């Protein structure tokens, strides 16, 4: 388990250099290039000119509609969102050169983009935009067949390997690999069962295993899961809720339900899943106002916000904060921050992050965030995460925090103190030096036992705090300072690369839960 955690976090550290949205766009663009190359050899349905023209039309319409809507609503322009929608529709719709068919393409693209603003709840779209556009075009095709309909031509063996490889990059970055794996298991299993039942009813004998691979490689399940179901904005915040949505979409996609002249398959199944997700947690863009800035350590900035809308979160979860700015770099305009305050502190909300050593080394996001002044308004685009302590208060806990990775633990410790919970908690706190030990007062007030790993000896350590005295934080060192580690549930929070280094040391624990971040 520790080895797998280490490998996972090393990959996450590399992929984290790109924003989630930019990575998705690059993956879809690469898939489009692969499809174009394959089309020259007749290995996919559309021909090269159909692909180029259709993508150009989709991109122009999606970008144009989004730009107009965002200007009217005074929202920041998100070019990547427009291009992602256009590329998904390229693989879902039927590329064409016919004028009527291109009109259908225009309609689907326009509807998809408009759905982000019309089918929305308090600033957040409810449905996957591409699925909405494809569904509307399919319904229109019942009256005007020449407009075309969804075809999901991406479900072909020639594209299976590229979809898997590029989809894996997206799923690792969005941390949705487990969710999509559950979707695929249900979708493929139900599709195999359904097809076998159809063969049997026709009096034909067939081995279910003979159906498995053709269904997996020739169906759109891989693309649907990797690039559409995995969209964080249309998923609920908790993992068990996401698994439920994945199961619902998998069953409906694997066994399309007839609805008149169409079926409840693929994109319609995803729309049903979006409704289930919305029912779990009404997602909303939460308005914030910056109240103050503080410096818990020389290299850490703490931001305190006042929340103006309803917000619910659990200690250990993270939020996505949008800071619109001109000329964003590859990391984009949104970032995830672990929440440093407890739910009991609302309407005040705190996050903290480490500053770059030099202005030149900072991302465009961090530079823009540094320019936000008290009184300025920002917005949270969502709250997610399952970095939650066991519900049983008696379960012994080991927390390992690397640098500013201590923030989710501060939220959990503040919550436990405010709730009057008496938990057996040991916090191993790793920092470059003693001056970088943030939130000392809050942690000390919780009564948790703290073991500090720093190069220098911290002065005036609070009660229940000890310095590791140069002990190296590896498997042996951790056993020396936490000899009962095998009885504890281990939680580790910090940069992905550091988690990868420390994860093997936690193999002796009862369980390992990680909370990685890739920098800002």
Protein backbone atom coordinates (compact mmCIF):
# COMPACT_ATOMS: atom_id res chain seq x y z
CA UNK A 1 0.00 0.00 0.00
CA UNK A 2 2.79 2.42 0.85
CA UNK A 3 4.57 1.71 -2.44
CA UNK A 4 1.38 2.31 -4.44
CA UNK A 5 0.77 5.53 -2.55
CA UNK A 6 4.32 6.68 -3.31
CA UNK A 7 4.00 5.96 -7.04
CA UNK A 8 0.57 7.61 -7.21
CA UNK A 9 1.80 10.81 -5.59
CA UNK A 10 4.92 11.06 -7.76
CA UNK A 11 2.71 10.93 -10.85
CA UNK A 12 0.31 13.43 -9.29
CA UNK A 13 3.19 15.82 -8.61
CA UNK A 14 4.16 15.84 -12.28
CA UNK A 15 0.60 16.24 -13.60
CA UNK A 16 -0.11 18.92 -11.00
CA UNK A 17 2.08 21.37 -12.91
CA UNK A 18 -0.90 21.92 -15.21
CA UNK A 19 -4.33 23.08 -14.14
CA UNK A 20 -6.98 20.39 -14.27
CA UNK A 21 -8.86 22.20 -17.03
CA UNK A 22 -5.79 22.76 -19.19
CA UNK A 23 -4.74 19.13 -18.83
CA UNK A 24 -8.20 17.97 -19.95
CA UNK A 25 -8.02 20.29 -22.96
CA UNK A 26 -4.53 19.11 -23.93
CA UNK A 27 -5.63 15.47 -23.59
CA UNK A 28 -8.68 16.01 -25.80
CA UNK A 29 -6.64 17.97 -28.34
CA UNK A 30 -4.08 15.17 -28.47
CA UNK A 31 -6.89 12.65 -28.95
CA UNK A 32 -8.24 14.75 -31.82
CA UNK A 33 -4.82 14.72 -33.48
CA UNK A 34 -4.62 10.94 -33.09
CA UNK A 35 -8.08 10.55 -34.58
CA UNK A 36 -7.09 12.80 -37.51
CA UNK A 37 -4.03 10.67 -38.23
CA UNK A 38 -6.06 7.46 -38.02
CA UNK A 39 -8.68 8.92 -40.37
CA UNK A 40 -6.11 9.06 -43.19
CA UNK A 41 -5.96 5.25 -43.01
CA UNK A 42 -9.71 4.74 -42.66
CA UNK A 43 -9.40 3.43 -39.08
CA UNK A 44 -12.11 5.73 -37.71
CA UNK A 45 -15.52 6.67 -39.09
CA UNK A 46 -15.03 10.31 -40.17
CA UNK A 47 -12.62 11.34 -42.91
CA UNK A 48 -9.93 14.01 -42.30
CA UNK A 49 -11.83 16.93 -43.84
CA UNK A 50 -14.98 16.10 -41.87
CA UNK A 51 -13.00 16.12 -38.63
CA UNK A 52 -11.24 19.42 -39.34
CA UNK A 53 -14.36 21.26 -40.49
CA UNK A 54 -16.56 19.92 -37.68
CA UNK A 55 -14.01 20.81 -35.00
CA UNK A 56 -13.60 24.29 -36.45
CA UNK A 57 -17.37 24.86 -36.39
CA UNK A 58 -17.72 23.48 -32.87
CA UNK A 59 -14.85 25.58 -31.54
CA UNK A 60 -16.10 28.78 -33.18
CA UNK A 61 -19.64 28.34 -31.84
CA UNK A 62 -18.63 27.29 -28.32
CA UNK A 63 -16.08 30.07 -27.97
CA UNK A 64 -18.46 32.67 -29.44
CA UNK A 65 -21.46 31.73 -27.31
CA UNK A 66 -19.40 31.47 -24.13
CA UNK A 67 -17.69 34.80 -24.76
CA UNK A 68 -21.03 36.54 -25.37
CA UNK A 69 -22.71 34.98 -22.32
CA UNK A 70 -19.79 35.73 -20.05
CA UNK A 71 -19.68 39.31 -21.24
CA UNK A 72 -23.41 39.80 -20.62
CA UNK A 73 -23.18 38.19 -17.18
CA UNK A 74 -19.90 39.96 -16.38
CA UNK A 75 -18.08 36.67 -15.81
CA UNK A 76 -14.40 35.92 -16.51
CA UNK A 77 -13.84 34.40 -19.94
CA UNK A 78 -12.76 30.76 -19.73
CA UNK A 79 -11.41 29.80 -23.14
CA UNK A 80 -10.37 26.32 -22.01
CA UNK A 81 -13.91 25.48 -20.91
CA UNK A 82 -15.22 26.39 -24.37
CA UNK A 83 -12.59 24.31 -26.15
CA UNK A 84 -13.15 21.32 -23.87
CA UNK A 85 -16.87 21.34 -24.71
CA UNK A 86 -16.09 21.61 -28.43
CA UNK A 87 -13.66 18.69 -28.38
CA UNK A 88 -15.99 16.43 -26.41
CA UNK A 89 -18.79 17.13 -28.89
CA UNK A 90 -16.41 16.27 -31.74
CA UNK A 91 -16.21 12.70 -30.46
CA UNK A 92 -19.87 12.42 -29.48
CA UNK A 93 -21.56 13.86 -32.59
CA UNK A 94 -21.27 12.70 -36.20
CA UNK A 95 -18.69 14.84 -38.08
CA UNK A 96 -20.01 15.95 -41.46
CA UNK A 97 -19.54 18.31 -44.41
CA UNK A 98 -23.24 18.59 -45.28
CA UNK A 99 -24.76 22.00 -44.63
CA UNK A 100 -27.81 20.66 -42.79
CA UNK A 101 -25.61 18.39 -40.71
CA UNK A 102 -23.32 21.32 -39.87
CA UNK A 103 -26.42 23.26 -38.82
CA UNK A 104 -27.12 20.45 -36.36
CA UNK A 105 -23.52 20.73 -35.14
CA UNK A 106 -24.02 24.47 -34.60
CA UNK A 107 -27.24 23.87 -32.66
CA UNK A 108 -25.64 21.25 -30.41
CA UNK A 109 -22.63 23.46 -29.68
CA UNK A 110 -24.76 26.52 -28.95
CA UNK A 111 -27.09 24.57 -26.66
CA UNK A 112 -24.14 23.00 -24.85
CA UNK A 113 -22.55 26.37 -24.15
CA UNK A 114 -25.82 28.05 -23.17
CA UNK A 115 -26.66 25.22 -20.76
CA UNK A 116 -23.78 26.37 -18.54
CA UNK A 117 -25.73 29.54 -17.81
CA UNK A 118 -29.38 28.55 -18.31
CA UNK A 119 -29.37 25.11 -16.64
CA UNK A 120 -27.46 26.38 -13.65
CA UNK A 121 -27.98 26.89 -9.95
CA UNK A 122 -26.48 29.99 -8.36
CA UNK A 123 -23.59 30.21 -10.78
CA UNK A 124 -22.86 26.47 -11.22
CA UNK A 125 -24.09 24.37 -14.13
CA UNK A 126 -26.05 21.26 -13.18
CA UNK A 127 -25.53 19.11 -16.27
CA UNK A 128 -22.53 18.18 -18.37
CA UNK A 129 -22.75 20.75 -21.20
CA UNK A 130 -21.73 18.38 -24.00
CA UNK A 131 -24.31 15.81 -22.88
CA UNK A 132 -27.02 18.48 -22.97
CA UNK A 133 -26.06 19.59 -26.48
CA UNK A 134 -25.93 16.02 -27.81
CA UNK A 135 -29.28 15.15 -26.23
CA UNK A 136 -31.05 18.19 -27.67
CA UNK A 137 -29.70 17.41 -31.15
CA UNK A 138 -30.84 13.79 -30.83
CA UNK A 139 -34.34 14.93 -29.87
CA UNK A 140 -34.45 17.37 -32.79
CA UNK A 141 -33.37 14.60 -35.16
CA UNK A 142 -36.64 12.79 -34.44
CA UNK A 143 -38.39 15.57 -36.37
CA UNK A 144 -35.54 16.61 -38.71
CA UNK A 145 -33.36 13.53 -39.29
CA UNK A 146 -30.95 15.39 -41.56
CA UNK A 147 -29.70 17.47 -38.62
CA UNK A 148 -27.86 14.41 -37.35
CA UNK A 149 -27.65 13.00 -33.84
CA UNK A 150 -25.14 11.71 -31.34
CA UNK A 151 -23.10 8.84 -32.75
CA UNK A 152 -20.25 8.26 -30.23
CA UNK A 153 -17.90 7.26 -33.04
CA UNK A 154 -15.08 7.52 -30.50
CA UNK A 155 -16.06 3.99 -29.39
CA UNK A 156 -13.75 2.15 -31.78
CA UNK A 157 -10.84 -0.25 -31.12
CA UNK A 158 -8.40 2.05 -32.94
CA UNK A 159 -8.96 4.81 -30.37
CA UNK A 160 -9.21 2.60 -27.28
CA UNK A 161 -5.52 2.77 -26.35
CA UNK A 162 -5.19 6.56 -26.82
CA UNK A 163 -8.39 7.13 -24.83
CA UNK A 164 -7.08 4.93 -22.00
CA UNK A 165 -3.63 6.58 -21.84
CA UNK A 166 -4.87 10.17 -22.09
CA UNK A 167 -7.85 9.41 -19.86
CA UNK A 168 -5.57 8.01 -17.17
CA UNK A 169 -3.62 11.27 -17.09
CA UNK A 170 -6.87 13.18 -16.57
CA UNK A 171 -8.18 10.77 -13.94
CA UNK A 172 -4.97 10.81 -11.91
CA UNK A 173 -4.94 14.62 -11.98
CA UNK A 174 -8.62 14.87 -10.98
CA UNK A 175 -8.28 11.93 -8.55
CA UNK A 176 -11.31 10.22 -10.10
CA UNK A 177 -9.70 6.94 -11.17
CA UNK A 178 -11.60 4.90 -8.59
CA UNK A 179 -14.91 6.54 -9.54
CA UNK A 180 -14.52 5.82 -13.25
CA UNK A 181 -13.32 2.27 -12.55
CA UNK A 182 -16.62 1.58 -10.74
CA UNK A 183 -18.54 3.10 -13.65
CA UNK A 184 -16.71 0.88 -16.15
CA UNK A 185 -17.29 -2.28 -14.12
CA UNK A 186 -21.04 -1.69 -13.98
CA UNK A 187 -21.37 -0.42 -17.56
CA UNK A 188 -19.44 -3.30 -19.10
CA UNK A 189 -20.97 -5.97 -16.85
CA UNK A 190 -24.52 -4.79 -17.55
CA UNK A 191 -23.82 -4.48 -21.29
CA UNK A 192 -22.39 -8.02 -21.42
CA UNK A 193 -25.38 -9.40 -19.52
CA UNK A 194 -27.83 -7.52 -21.76
CA UNK A 195 -26.15 -8.66 -24.98
CA UNK A 196 -25.93 -12.26 -23.76
CA UNK A 197 -29.64 -12.17 -22.89
CA UNK A 198 -30.46 -10.88 -26.39
CA UNK A 199 -28.45 -13.69 -27.97
CA UNK A 200 -30.18 -16.25 -25.75
CA UNK A 201 -33.65 -14.92 -26.57
CA UNK A 202 -32.76 -15.27 -30.26
CA UNK A 203 -31.79 -18.91 -29.71
CA UNK A 204 -28.07 -18.29 -30.21
CA UNK A 205 -25.32 -19.62 -27.96
CA UNK A 206 -22.45 -17.32 -27.00
CA UNK A 207 -19.86 -17.21 -24.23
CA UNK A 208 -20.12 -14.06 -22.11
CA UNK A 209 -16.32 -13.75 -22.19
CA UNK A 210 -16.47 -13.50 -25.99
CA UNK A 211 -18.58 -10.37 -25.55
CA UNK A 212 -16.39 -8.69 -22.94
CA UNK A 213 -13.54 -7.33 -25.03
CA UNK A 214 -15.60 -6.15 -28.03
CA UNK A 215 -17.94 -4.26 -25.69
CA UNK A 216 -15.07 -2.67 -23.81
CA UNK A 217 -13.02 -1.62 -26.85
CA UNK A 218 -15.88 -0.80 -29.23
CA UNK A 219 -18.18 1.04 -26.85
CA UNK A 220 -17.95 4.70 -25.78
CA UNK A 221 -17.67 3.72 -22.11
CA UNK A 222 -13.96 4.58 -21.86
CA UNK A 223 -14.42 8.09 -23.27
CA UNK A 224 -17.64 8.74 -21.35
CA UNK A 225 -15.99 7.83 -18.06
CA UNK A 226 -12.63 9.55 -18.52
CA UNK A 227 -13.73 12.84 -20.07
CA UNK A 228 -17.37 13.39 -19.08
CA UNK A 229 -18.34 11.52 -15.92
CA UNK A 230 -15.12 12.68 -14.25
CA UNK A 231 -16.03 16.39 -14.50
CA UNK A 232 -15.69 17.66 -10.89
CA UNK A 233 -18.26 20.45 -11.32
CA UNK A 234 -21.08 17.93 -11.86
CA UNK A 235 -20.03 15.45 -9.17
CA UNK A 236 -21.06 15.54 -5.50
CA UNK A 237 -18.39 16.26 -2.86
CA UNK A 238 -18.08 12.92 -1.05
CA UNK A 239 -16.55 9.77 -2.51
CA UNK A 240 -19.45 7.48 -1.56
CA UNK A 241 -21.80 9.90 -3.33
CA UNK A 242 -19.56 9.91 -6.40
CA UNK A 243 -19.49 6.10 -6.39
CA UNK A 244 -23.29 6.06 -6.29
CA UNK A 245 -23.46 8.39 -9.30
CA UNK A 246 -20.93 6.24 -11.14
CA UNK A 247 -23.03 3.14 -10.48
CA UNK A 248 -26.25 4.78 -11.71
CA UNK A 249 -24.62 6.06 -14.90
CA UNK A 250 -22.91 2.71 -15.48
CA UNK A 251 -26.13 0.71 -15.23
CA UNK A 252 -28.08 3.11 -17.47
CA UNK A 253 -25.29 3.29 -20.04
CA UNK A 254 -24.87 -0.48 -20.09
CA UNK A 255 -28.59 -1.19 -20.51
CA UNK A 256 -30.17 1.67 -22.50
CA UNK A 257 -33.83 2.13 -21.59
CA UNK A 258 -36.15 2.78 -24.58
CA UNK A 259 -37.96 6.12 -24.42
CA UNK A 260 -40.13 6.25 -27.50
CA UNK A 261 -37.89 6.42 -30.53
CA UNK A 262 -34.69 6.98 -28.54
CA UNK A 263 -32.97 5.21 -25.66
CA UNK A 264 -31.73 6.34 -22.27
CA UNK A 265 -28.13 5.61 -23.18
CA UNK A 266 -24.75 7.29 -22.94
CA UNK A 267 -25.26 11.07 -22.69
CA UNK A 268 -28.82 10.68 -21.36
CA UNK A 269 -27.53 8.28 -18.72
CA UNK A 270 -24.95 10.89 -17.74
CA UNK A 271 -27.66 13.56 -17.41
CA UNK A 272 -29.55 11.30 -15.00
CA UNK A 273 -26.33 10.88 -13.04
CA UNK A 274 -25.92 14.66 -12.96
CA UNK A 275 -29.40 14.95 -11.43
CA UNK A 276 -28.50 12.37 -8.77
CA UNK A 277 -25.33 14.32 -7.99
CA UNK A 278 -27.30 17.55 -7.73
CA UNK A 279 -29.73 15.89 -5.33
CA UNK A 280 -26.84 14.80 -3.09
CA UNK A 281 -25.43 18.29 -2.74
CA UNK A 282 -26.77 21.48 -4.21
CA UNK A 283 -23.61 22.97 -5.66
CA UNK A 284 -23.29 26.71 -5.67
CA UNK A 285 -20.72 29.39 -6.27
CA UNK A 286 -20.17 30.82 -2.79
CA UNK A 287 -19.35 34.52 -2.59
CA UNK A 288 -16.51 35.61 -0.33
CA UNK A 289 -14.99 38.88 0.80
CA UNK A 290 -11.38 39.04 1.94
CA UNK A 291 -11.28 40.27 5.54
CA UNK A 292 -7.58 40.16 6.36
CA UNK A 293 -4.16 38.72 5.61
CA UNK A 294 -1.74 37.29 8.13
CA UNK A 295 1.68 35.61 8.10
CA UNK A 296 1.72 32.58 10.43
CA UNK A 297 5.34 32.01 9.37
CA UNK A 298 7.83 34.02 7.26
CA UNK A 299 6.87 32.03 4.14
CA UNK A 300 3.17 31.34 4.72
CA UNK A 301 0.22 33.59 3.94
CA UNK A 302 -3.13 33.13 5.69
CA UNK A 303 -6.28 34.60 4.17
CA UNK A 304 -9.43 35.14 6.23
CA UNK A 305 -12.67 35.50 4.28
CA UNK A 306 -16.23 36.33 5.23
CA UNK A 307 -18.74 33.96 3.59
CA UNK A 308 -21.88 35.60 2.17
CA UNK A 309 -23.76 32.48 1.03
CA UNK A 310 -24.64 29.18 2.59
CA UNK A 311 -21.58 26.98 2.93
CA UNK A 312 -21.22 23.56 4.52
CA UNK A 313 -17.99 21.59 4.81
CA UNK A 314 -16.43 18.87 6.94
CA UNK A 315 -13.08 19.29 8.71
CA UNK A 316 -10.37 18.07 6.35
CA UNK A 317 -12.12 19.00 3.11
CA UNK A 318 -10.78 21.45 0.55
CA UNK A 319 -12.27 24.23 -1.53
CA UNK A 320 -11.59 25.53 -5.01
CA UNK A 321 -10.99 29.28 -5.06
CA UNK A 322 -11.23 31.23 -8.29
CA UNK A 323 -9.11 34.32 -8.80
CA UNK A 324 -9.85 35.73 -12.27
CA UNK A 325 -6.87 37.48 -13.87
CA UNK A 326 -5.52 38.35 -17.28
CA UNK A 327 -3.03 36.11 -19.06
CA UNK A 328 -3.19 33.08 -16.74
CA UNK A 329 -0.37 30.60 -17.08
CA UNK A 330 -0.71 26.83 -17.54
CA UNK A 331 -2.11 26.42 -14.03
CA UNK A 332 -5.23 28.48 -14.80
CA UNK A 333 -7.41 30.68 -12.55
CA UNK A 334 -8.61 28.15 -9.98
CA UNK A 335 -6.78 26.36 -7.16
CA UNK A 336 -7.62 23.96 -4.37
CA UNK A 337 -6.92 24.95 -0.78
CA UNK A 338 -7.40 22.86 2.34
CA UNK A 339 -9.66 24.72 4.74
CA UNK A 340 -7.75 25.78 7.85
CA UNK A 341 -10.74 26.85 9.93
CA UNK A 342 -13.43 24.71 11.52
CA UNK A 343 -17.13 24.69 10.55
CA UNK A 344 -17.82 26.34 13.89
CA UNK A 345 -15.82 29.40 12.75
CA UNK A 346 -18.28 30.27 9.95
CA UNK A 347 -19.06 32.81 8.54
CA UNK A 348 -15.29 33.35 8.78
CA UNK A 349 -13.24 30.99 6.64
CA UNK A 350 -9.46 30.59 6.53
CA UNK A 351 -7.02 29.16 4.01
CA UNK A 352 -3.23 29.29 3.97
CA UNK A 353 -0.55 28.74 1.38
CA UNK A 354 3.21 28.91 1.05
CA UNK A 355 4.61 31.85 -0.85
CA UNK A 356 7.16 31.39 -3.62
CA UNK A 357 10.76 32.27 -2.85
CA UNK A 358 10.80 34.86 -5.63
CA UNK A 359 8.12 36.74 -7.53
CA UNK A 360 9.50 35.37 -10.78
CA UNK A 361 8.97 31.79 -9.58
CA UNK A 362 5.34 32.41 -8.64
CA UNK A 363 2.45 31.28 -10.80
CA UNK A 364 0.17 33.88 -12.37
CA UNK A 365 -2.53 32.71 -9.93
CA UNK A 366 -0.40 33.40 -6.88
CA UNK A 367 0.61 36.81 -8.20
CA UNK A 368 -3.06 37.66 -8.75
CA UNK A 369 -3.97 36.37 -5.30
CA UNK A 370 -1.28 38.59 -3.78
CA UNK A 371 -3.00 41.63 -5.29
CA UNK A 372 -6.38 40.87 -3.69
CA UNK A 373 -7.09 43.50 -1.04
CA UNK A 374 -9.37 43.35 2.03
CA UNK A 375 -12.90 44.05 0.84
CA UNK A 376 -12.35 42.47 -2.59
CA UNK A 377 -14.85 39.80 -3.64
CA UNK A 378 -13.93 36.29 -4.82
CA UNK A 379 -15.86 33.04 -5.16
CA UNK A 380 -15.55 29.40 -4.13
CA UNK A 381 -16.52 27.10 -6.99
CA UNK A 382 -16.93 23.99 -4.84
CA UNK A 383 -16.00 22.00 -1.73
CA UNK A 384 -14.77 18.41 -2.00
CA UNK A 385 -12.75 15.77 -0.25
CA UNK A 386 -12.72 12.64 1.88
CA UNK A 387 -9.70 13.47 4.02
CA UNK A 388 -11.88 12.90 7.06
CA UNK A 389 -11.10 11.36 10.42
CA UNK A 390 -12.85 8.12 11.44
CA UNK A 391 -16.29 8.65 12.91
CA UNK A 392 -15.39 6.52 15.93
CA UNK A 393 -13.97 8.94 18.49
CA UNK A 394 -11.97 6.14 20.09
CA UNK A 395 -9.97 5.35 16.93
CA UNK A 396 -6.30 6.35 17.54
CA UNK A 397 -5.02 8.77 14.91
CA UNK A 398 -1.59 9.57 13.51
CA UNK A 399 -1.32 12.83 11.58
CA UNK A 400 1.76 13.55 9.50
CA UNK A 401 1.93 17.12 8.22
CA UNK A 402 4.60 18.43 5.87
CA UNK A 403 4.87 22.22 5.96
CA UNK A 404 1.64 23.98 5.10
CA UNK A 405 0.04 20.53 4.77
CA UNK A 406 -0.89 21.04 8.43
CA UNK A 407 -3.95 23.12 7.44
CA UNK A 408 -6.54 20.28 7.20
CA UNK A 409 -5.33 18.99 10.56
CA UNK A 410 -5.78 22.45 12.08
CA UNK A 411 -9.41 22.36 10.90
CA UNK A 412 -9.91 18.91 12.39
CA UNK A 413 -8.24 19.77 15.70
CA UNK A 414 -10.23 23.02 16.03
CA UNK A 415 -13.44 21.12 15.32
CA UNK A 416 -12.63 18.45 17.91
CA UNK A 417 -11.92 21.13 20.50
CA UNK A 418 -15.10 23.07 19.67
CA UNK A 419 -17.16 19.88 19.82
CA UNK A 420 -15.66 18.73 23.12
CA UNK A 421 -14.24 15.54 21.58
CA UNK A 422 -11.39 13.79 23.36
CA UNK A 423 -9.46 11.92 20.67
CA UNK A 424 -6.15 10.06 20.86
CA UNK A 425 -4.14 12.04 18.29
CA UNK A 426 -0.43 12.19 17.59
CA UNK A 427 0.73 14.85 15.11
CA UNK A 428 4.11 14.48 13.44
CA UNK A 429 4.89 17.96 12.14
CA UNK A 430 7.64 18.31 9.54
CA UNK A 431 9.01 21.75 8.65
CA UNK A 432 12.19 23.14 7.11
CA UNK A 433 13.02 24.96 10.35
CA UNK A 434 11.31 26.01 13.57
CA UNK A 435 10.22 29.38 12.17
CA UNK A 436 7.99 27.56 9.67
CA UNK A 437 5.84 25.83 12.31
CA UNK A 438 2.46 27.42 11.56
CA UNK A 439 -0.61 27.43 13.82
CA UNK A 440 1.30 26.59 16.99
CA UNK A 441 -1.30 28.17 19.29
CA UNK A 442 -4.28 26.46 17.64
CA UNK A 443 -2.59 23.05 17.70
CA UNK A 444 -1.43 23.49 21.29
CA UNK A 445 -4.95 24.42 22.41
CA UNK A 446 -6.26 21.10 21.05
CA UNK A 447 -4.16 19.08 23.50
CA UNK A 448 -2.84 16.75 20.78
CA UNK A 449 0.62 15.24 21.26
CA UNK A 450 2.98 16.80 18.71
CA UNK A 451 6.37 15.54 17.54
CA UNK A 452 8.33 18.17 15.62
CA UNK A 453 10.83 17.36 12.87
CA UNK A 454 12.91 20.46 12.11
CA UNK A 455 16.59 21.11 11.44
CA UNK A 456 16.92 23.42 14.46
CA UNK A 457 15.54 23.06 17.96
CA UNK A 458 12.32 25.07 18.39
CA UNK A 459 12.23 27.42 21.38
CA UNK A 460 9.45 27.45 23.97
CA UNK A 461 7.62 24.36 22.76
CA UNK A 462 4.05 24.11 24.11
CA UNK A 463 3.00 21.33 26.45
CA UNK A 464 2.75 17.89 24.83
CA UNK A 465 5.22 18.96 22.10
CA UNK A 466 8.60 17.30 21.65
CA UNK A 467 11.44 17.82 19.20
CA UNK A 468 12.62 14.72 17.33
CA UNK A 469 16.24 15.82 17.95
CA UNK A 470 17.50 15.09 14.48
CA UNK A 471 15.78 11.72 14.10
CA UNK A 472 15.36 11.05 10.38
CA UNK A 473 11.74 10.67 9.33
CA UNK A 474 11.86 7.26 7.73
CA UNK A 475 10.28 3.95 8.73
CA UNK A 476 12.72 3.40 11.60
CA UNK A 477 12.55 6.99 12.80
CA UNK A 478 8.77 7.01 12.76
CA UNK A 479 8.68 3.81 14.82
CA UNK A 480 11.01 5.40 17.36
CA UNK A 481 8.79 8.43 17.93
CA UNK A 482 5.43 6.66 17.42
CA UNK A 483 5.98 3.07 18.62
CA UNK A 484 2.25 2.27 18.57
CA UNK A 485 1.84 3.21 14.91
CA UNK A 486 0.35 -0.20 14.05
CA UNK A 487 -2.72 0.65 16.15
CA UNK A 488 -3.29 4.02 14.49
CA UNK A 489 -5.02 5.27 11.34
CA UNK A 490 -2.42 7.34 9.51
CA UNK A 491 -3.20 10.59 7.68
CA UNK A 492 -0.51 12.41 5.73
CA UNK A 493 -0.83 15.85 4.13
CA UNK A 494 1.67 17.83 2.09
CA UNK A 495 3.26 18.17 -1.35
CA UNK A 496 2.74 15.10 -3.52
CA UNK A 497 6.47 14.46 -3.99
CA UNK A 498 7.08 14.51 -0.25
CA UNK A 499 4.12 12.23 0.41
CA UNK A 500 5.66 9.80 -2.06
CA UNK A 501 8.87 9.81 0.00
CA UNK A 502 7.11 9.37 3.34
CA UNK A 503 4.35 6.94 2.38
CA UNK A 504 6.46 3.74 2.71
CA UNK A 505 7.21 4.69 6.32
CA UNK A 506 3.51 4.45 7.11
CA UNK A 507 2.98 0.90 5.87
CA UNK A 508 2.81 -0.35 9.45
CA UNK A 509 -0.23 1.79 10.22
CA UNK A 510 -3.77 0.35 10.19
CA UNK A 511 -4.60 2.49 7.16
CA UNK A 512 -3.13 5.32 5.08
CA UNK A 513 -5.11 8.32 3.88
CA UNK A 514 -3.32 11.02 1.90
CA UNK A 515 -4.08 14.61 0.99
CA UNK A 516 -1.69 15.74 -1.74
CA UNK A 517 -1.33 19.15 -3.30
CA UNK A 518 0.93 20.21 -6.12
CA UNK A 519 1.74 23.82 -5.34
CA UNK A 520 0.33 27.16 -6.42
